[in-house]
Amino acid sequence: MTNVKANYDENMAARENNPFLPIKEKNIKKNMAIGRSVDSQLGNRMQRIIFYMARMKYGDVAVPNIVTINKTDGDSVEICTYSVPIYTEENDRKKDFNPFSQVIYIGQSFSINQVKEKLKLKKKSEALIEKRYTLPDVSENAMKYIEKPKRKTVPVDLLYFGIQSENLVKAETFEIKLGGKLDTKNSGGNADEVEELTNIFSCLKENEAFFGTCYGECSQPVAKKIEKLNRASVLNNKDLWEKVIPTNIAGFTYDQFIDMYQKAFKKSKLETTIKCL
């Protein structure tokens, strides 16, 4: 309780900068500063929104659900990507179908049926999009992260590829948090995750990993650790969103996105519902 009181003013001030929970009622905001159930749901929702917009901007193939990375002959690496459209027909889906998740598998290969099982697609489904890419002349330093990875299975908050003429030319990966004020004790772990993502795709010449916040500023302990990493950066709020907002859709900007979101939030009547609890 001592910590709750000590951190209350700072937490409340941080909430004033959160455009994704535009609640006006003071007592509701007070309760939400203590309870985290709505915050938790919001974090999941934000990640889905980010994935959805990245798909709109870069396409299904460039934002895959599953990626496998394997050494092949000599100094070559094969990257396979598997994507399932968000709006897959209901008769193609199994229970717990989730088209918003992304996982990287290193040193592992799967049959098409195994991939479908992981993605909760029925075997008869033809919705799965499979692509294979060969990267020749991978450096010895980059190869070591594939031959002896820190983890063989790596969930990722967001990954998208740059693709030119059916070739992979770039990878951008993201560790994303709702707000930026993380505990100092978490800074090492968050920086380690960003570093791991840069290492995994060091087989690509263009490769960068980001620590992003949906709102607020990245905490200084995390920022300082990430600034020391090669090919890694911090993206605070608007900078993160501008990476994924589909600007190719005429006139769709960050400010318009926030306006659309807040109108939808008001329409949902969540604040009214909470008042009645």
Protein backbone atom coordinates (compact mmCIF):
# COMPACT_ATOMS: atom_id res chain seq x y z
CA MET A 1 0.00 0.00 0.00
CA THR A 2 2.94 2.30 0.70
CA ASN A 3 4.15 1.87 -2.88
CA VAL A 4 0.66 2.51 -4.26
CA LYS A 5 0.49 5.82 -2.40
CA ALA A 6 4.05 6.77 -3.30
CA ASN A 7 3.54 6.15 -7.02
CA TYR A 8 -0.05 7.42 -7.26
CA ASP A 9 0.65 10.98 -8.43
CA GLU A 10 3.16 9.86 -11.06
CA ASN A 11 0.84 7.13 -12.36
CA MET A 12 -2.10 9.53 -12.58
CA ALA A 13 0.04 12.09 -14.44
CA ALA A 14 1.14 9.39 -16.90
CA ARG A 15 -2.50 8.46 -17.56
CA GLU A 16 -3.24 12.02 -18.61
CA ASN A 17 -0.91 11.41 -21.57
CA ASN A 18 -2.63 8.17 -22.63
CA PRO A 19 -4.84 8.99 -25.66
CA PHE A 20 -6.18 5.43 -25.74
CA LEU A 21 -8.16 5.67 -22.49
CA PRO A 22 -9.77 9.12 -22.79
CA ILE A 23 -11.81 8.79 -19.60
CA LYS A 24 -12.86 12.05 -17.97
CA GLU A 25 -14.41 10.83 -14.73
CA LYS A 26 -11.82 11.37 -11.97
CA ASN A 27 -12.99 8.52 -9.74
CA ILE A 28 -12.79 6.03 -12.60
CA LYS A 29 -9.24 7.12 -13.41
CA LYS A 30 -8.36 6.83 -9.72
CA ASN A 31 -9.62 3.25 -9.55
CA MET A 32 -7.85 2.36 -12.80
CA ALA A 33 -4.57 3.64 -11.38
CA ILE A 34 -4.87 0.90 -8.77
CA GLY A 35 -6.52 -1.90 -10.72
CA ARG A 36 -4.91 -3.20 -13.93
CA SER A 37 -7.65 -5.31 -15.57
CA VAL A 38 -8.62 -2.65 -18.11
CA ASP A 39 -4.97 -1.79 -18.74
CA SER A 40 -4.18 -5.42 -19.47
CA GLN A 41 -7.02 -5.67 -22.00
CA LEU A 42 -5.91 -2.40 -23.55
CA GLY A 43 -2.37 -3.71 -24.05
CA ASN A 44 -3.68 -6.74 -25.94
CA ARG A 45 -5.97 -4.53 -28.01
CA MET A 46 -3.16 -2.11 -28.90
CA GLN A 47 -0.97 -4.96 -30.13
CA ARG A 48 -3.77 -6.18 -32.38
CA ILE A 49 -4.36 -2.69 -33.75
CA ILE A 50 -0.64 -2.30 -34.50
CA PHE A 51 -0.53 -5.67 -36.27
CA TYR A 52 -3.68 -4.86 -38.25
CA MET A 53 -2.30 -1.53 -39.46
CA ALA A 54 1.08 -3.07 -40.31
CA ARG A 55 -0.75 -5.60 -42.47
CA MET A 56 -2.64 -2.76 -44.19
CA LYS A 57 0.61 -0.89 -44.84
CA TYR A 58 3.00 -3.70 -45.79
CA GLY A 59 0.74 -6.60 -46.78
CA ASP A 60 0.08 -10.10 -45.45
CA VAL A 61 3.28 -11.65 -46.82
CA ALA A 62 5.57 -8.98 -45.36
CA VAL A 63 3.95 -9.33 -41.90
CA PRO A 64 3.92 -13.11 -41.40
CA ASN A 65 2.55 -15.11 -38.50
CA ILE A 66 5.30 -17.72 -38.45
CA VAL A 67 8.92 -17.42 -39.56
CA THR A 68 11.44 -20.29 -39.66
CA ILE A 69 15.17 -19.66 -40.06
CA ASN A 70 17.55 -22.49 -40.92
CA LYS A 71 21.09 -22.93 -42.15
CA THR A 72 21.26 -24.81 -45.44
CA ASP A 73 24.30 -25.68 -47.57
CA GLY A 74 27.55 -23.88 -46.90
CA ASP A 75 26.99 -20.28 -45.82
CA SER A 76 23.37 -20.01 -46.97
CA VAL A 77 20.28 -19.48 -44.85
CA GLU A 78 16.67 -20.28 -45.72
CA ILE A 79 13.89 -18.14 -44.27
CA CYS A 80 10.33 -19.44 -44.64
CA THR A 81 7.33 -17.25 -43.87
CA TYR A 82 3.76 -18.32 -43.26
CA SER A 83 0.89 -15.82 -43.22
CA VAL A 84 -2.81 -16.25 -42.61
CA PRO A 85 -5.22 -13.44 -43.55
CA ILE A 86 -6.95 -11.76 -40.62
CA TYR A 87 -10.35 -12.24 -42.24
CA THR A 88 -10.00 -15.97 -42.87
CA GLU A 89 -13.31 -17.72 -43.51
CA GLU A 90 -14.91 -19.31 -40.45
CA ASN A 91 -15.01 -22.78 -42.03
CA ASP A 92 -11.20 -22.64 -42.41
CA ARG A 93 -10.60 -21.93 -38.71
CA LYS A 94 -10.33 -24.05 -35.60
CA LYS A 95 -11.17 -22.97 -32.07
CA ASP A 96 -8.74 -20.37 -30.64
CA PHE A 97 -7.74 -19.15 -34.12
CA ASN A 98 -5.59 -16.06 -33.63
CA PRO A 99 -4.31 -14.30 -36.78
CA PHE A 100 -2.53 -11.57 -34.75
CA SER A 101 0.33 -13.60 -33.26
CA GLN A 102 3.90 -13.73 -34.61
CA VAL A 103 6.55 -16.32 -33.69
CA ILE A 104 10.09 -16.90 -34.97
CA TYR A 105 11.46 -20.48 -34.98
CA ILE A 106 15.22 -20.88 -35.31
CA GLY A 107 16.72 -24.18 -36.45
CA GLN A 108 13.26 -25.69 -36.83
CA SER A 109 11.30 -26.77 -39.91
CA PHE A 110 7.62 -27.68 -40.15
CA SER A 111 5.32 -29.35 -42.63
CA ILE A 112 2.38 -27.37 -43.96
CA ASN A 113 0.03 -29.36 -41.72
CA GLN A 114 2.18 -28.60 -38.67
CA VAL A 115 2.07 -24.88 -39.49
CA LYS A 116 -1.70 -25.05 -39.91
CA GLU A 117 -1.99 -26.72 -36.52
CA LYS A 118 0.08 -23.97 -34.87
CA LEU A 119 -2.12 -21.32 -36.48
CA LYS A 120 -5.35 -23.18 -35.70
CA LEU A 121 -6.24 -23.66 -39.35
CA LYS A 122 -8.10 -26.72 -40.55
CA LYS A 123 -6.07 -29.10 -42.73
CA LYS A 124 -8.38 -28.53 -45.69
CA SER A 125 -7.87 -24.76 -45.55
CA GLU A 126 -6.11 -23.07 -48.46
CA ALA A 127 -5.81 -19.73 -46.66
CA LEU A 128 -2.17 -20.21 -45.64
CA ILE A 129 0.39 -18.20 -47.63
CA GLU A 130 3.87 -19.79 -47.72
CA LYS A 131 7.02 -18.07 -49.02
CA ARG A 132 10.63 -19.29 -49.09
CA TYR A 133 13.74 -17.13 -49.39
CA THR A 134 17.41 -18.09 -49.67
CA LEU A 135 20.10 -15.77 -48.31
CA PRO A 136 23.56 -16.60 -49.71
CA ASP A 137 26.92 -15.58 -48.32
CA VAL A 138 25.80 -15.13 -44.71
CA SER A 139 28.70 -14.03 -42.52
CA GLU A 140 30.16 -16.35 -39.90
CA ASN A 141 29.19 -13.92 -37.15
CA ALA A 142 25.54 -13.81 -38.29
CA MET A 143 25.44 -17.59 -38.78
CA LYS A 144 26.33 -18.25 -35.14
CA TYR A 145 23.00 -16.79 -34.01
CA ILE A 146 21.23 -19.34 -36.20
CA GLU A 147 23.39 -22.33 -35.31
CA LYS A 148 23.43 -21.58 -31.56
CA PRO A 149 20.48 -19.28 -30.81
CA LYS A 150 19.73 -17.91 -27.37
CA ARG A 151 16.19 -19.28 -27.81
CA LYS A 152 14.88 -21.51 -30.58
CA THR A 153 11.33 -20.16 -30.28
CA VAL A 154 10.92 -16.40 -30.05
CA PRO A 155 7.49 -14.69 -29.86
CA VAL A 156 7.68 -11.14 -31.22
CA ASP A 157 5.36 -8.18 -30.72
CA LEU A 158 5.77 -7.07 -34.34
CA LEU A 159 7.92 -8.13 -37.29
CA TYR A 160 7.78 -7.04 -40.89
CA PHE A 161 10.04 -7.63 -43.85
CA GLY A 162 11.09 -5.44 -46.74
CA ILE A 163 10.66 -7.47 -49.94
CA GLN A 164 11.97 -6.53 -53.38
CA SER A 165 11.62 -8.71 -56.49
CA GLU A 166 10.72 -11.73 -54.34
CA ASN A 167 13.85 -11.24 -52.21
CA LEU A 168 14.07 -10.39 -48.52
CA VAL A 169 16.09 -7.21 -48.15
CA LYS A 170 15.16 -5.91 -44.69
CA ALA A 171 13.75 -6.93 -41.31
CA GLU A 172 12.31 -4.61 -38.67
CA THR A 173 11.28 -6.07 -35.32
CA PHE A 174 9.59 -4.49 -32.30
CA GLU A 175 9.33 -5.00 -28.56
CA ILE A 176 6.25 -2.94 -27.66
CA LYS A 177 4.94 -1.72 -24.31
CA LEU A 178 1.77 0.24 -23.65
CA GLY A 179 3.49 2.92 -21.55
CA GLY A 180 7.16 3.65 -21.15
CA LYS A 181 7.63 3.95 -17.39
CA LEU A 182 8.98 0.48 -16.73
CA ASP A 183 10.61 -0.58 -13.51
CA THR A 184 14.40 -0.33 -13.48
CA LYS A 185 14.54 -4.05 -12.68
CA ASN A 186 12.93 -4.77 -16.07
CA SER A 187 15.34 -2.64 -18.11
CA GLY A 188 17.90 -5.37 -18.63
CA GLY A 189 15.33 -7.90 -19.79
CA ASN A 190 13.69 -5.50 -22.23
CA ALA A 191 17.03 -4.45 -23.69
CA ASP A 192 18.05 -8.11 -23.98
CA GLU A 193 14.91 -8.89 -25.99
CA VAL A 194 15.64 -6.05 -28.41
CA GLU A 195 19.24 -7.20 -28.78
CA GLU A 196 18.11 -10.77 -29.41
CA LEU A 197 15.90 -9.59 -32.27
CA THR A 198 18.78 -7.71 -33.91
CA ASN A 199 20.98 -10.80 -33.65
CA ILE A 200 18.37 -13.14 -35.14
CA PHE A 201 18.11 -11.13 -38.35
CA SER A 202 21.76 -10.10 -38.64
CA CYS A 203 21.78 -12.45 -41.66
CA LEU A 204 20.04 -9.55 -43.46
CA LYS A 205 22.15 -6.50 -44.27
CA GLU A 206 19.25 -4.16 -43.44
CA ASN A 207 18.05 -5.08 -40.00
CA GLU A 208 16.86 -3.01 -37.07
CA ALA A 209 15.02 -3.70 -33.81
CA PHE A 210 12.98 -1.17 -31.85
CA PHE A 211 11.67 -0.73 -28.34
CA GLY A 212 8.38 1.12 -28.80
CA THR A 213 5.82 2.72 -26.51
CA CYS A 214 2.19 3.25 -27.49
CA TYR A 215 2.16 6.40 -25.37
CA GLY A 216 4.49 8.07 -22.89
CA GLU A 217 8.28 8.02 -22.91
CA CYS A 218 10.57 5.03 -22.64
CA SER A 219 12.12 4.88 -19.18
CA GLN A 220 15.72 6.10 -19.01
CA PRO A 221 17.17 2.76 -17.77
CA VAL A 222 15.73 0.96 -20.81
CA ALA A 223 16.64 3.76 -23.22
CA LYS A 224 20.26 3.90 -22.04
CA LYS A 225 20.73 0.17 -22.49
CA ILE A 226 19.13 0.13 -25.94
CA GLU A 227 21.13 3.15 -27.12
CA LYS A 228 24.28 1.07 -26.61
CA LEU A 229 23.05 -1.72 -28.90
CA ASN A 230 23.98 -1.96 -32.55
CA ARG A 231 21.03 -1.56 -34.96
CA ALA A 232 18.53 -0.84 -32.19
CA SER A 233 16.46 2.25 -31.39
CA VAL A 234 13.72 3.58 -29.13
CA LEU A 235 10.44 4.78 -30.64
CA ASN A 236 8.23 6.80 -28.29
CA ASN A 237 4.46 7.00 -28.96
CA LYS A 238 3.94 8.96 -32.21
CA ASP A 239 7.24 7.73 -33.68
CA LEU A 240 6.10 4.13 -33.18
CA TRP A 241 2.66 4.71 -34.66
CA GLU A 242 4.09 6.44 -37.72
CA LYS A 243 6.03 3.25 -38.45
CA VAL A 244 2.80 1.28 -38.86
CA ILE A 245 0.02 3.73 -39.72
CA PRO A 246 -0.87 3.06 -43.38
CA THR A 247 0.03 6.46 -44.78
CA ASN A 248 -0.48 4.99 -48.25
CA ILE A 249 -4.20 5.48 -47.54
CA ALA A 250 -4.81 9.09 -48.57
CA GLY A 251 -4.91 11.52 -45.67
CA PHE A 252 -4.64 8.93 -42.89
CA THR A 253 -2.35 10.45 -40.26
CA TYR A 254 -1.50 9.85 -36.61
CA ASP A 255 -3.83 12.66 -35.50
CA GLN A 256 -6.66 11.22 -37.56
CA PHE A 257 -6.02 7.78 -36.11
CA ILE A 258 -6.22 9.13 -32.54
CA ASP A 259 -9.42 11.01 -33.43
CA MET A 260 -10.99 7.88 -34.95
CA TYR A 261 -9.95 5.78 -31.96
CA GLN A 262 -11.38 8.20 -29.41
CA LYS A 263 -14.67 8.45 -31.29
CA ALA A 264 -14.91 4.65 -31.33
CA PHE A 265 -14.01 4.57 -27.62
CA LYS A 266 -16.81 7.00 -26.82
CA LYS A 267 -19.23 5.02 -28.96
CA SER A 268 -18.37 1.85 -27.03
CA LYS A 269 -19.74 3.49 -23.83
CA LEU A 270 -17.04 1.82 -21.72
CA GLU A 271 -16.91 4.77 -19.37
CA THR A 272 -20.68 4.56 -18.80
CA THR A 273 -20.39 0.82 -18.16
CA ILE A 274 -17.64 1.32 -15.58
CA LYS A 275 -19.72 3.95 -13.78
CA CYS A 276 -22.47 1.40 -13.33
CA LEU A 277 -20.21 -1.25 -11.78
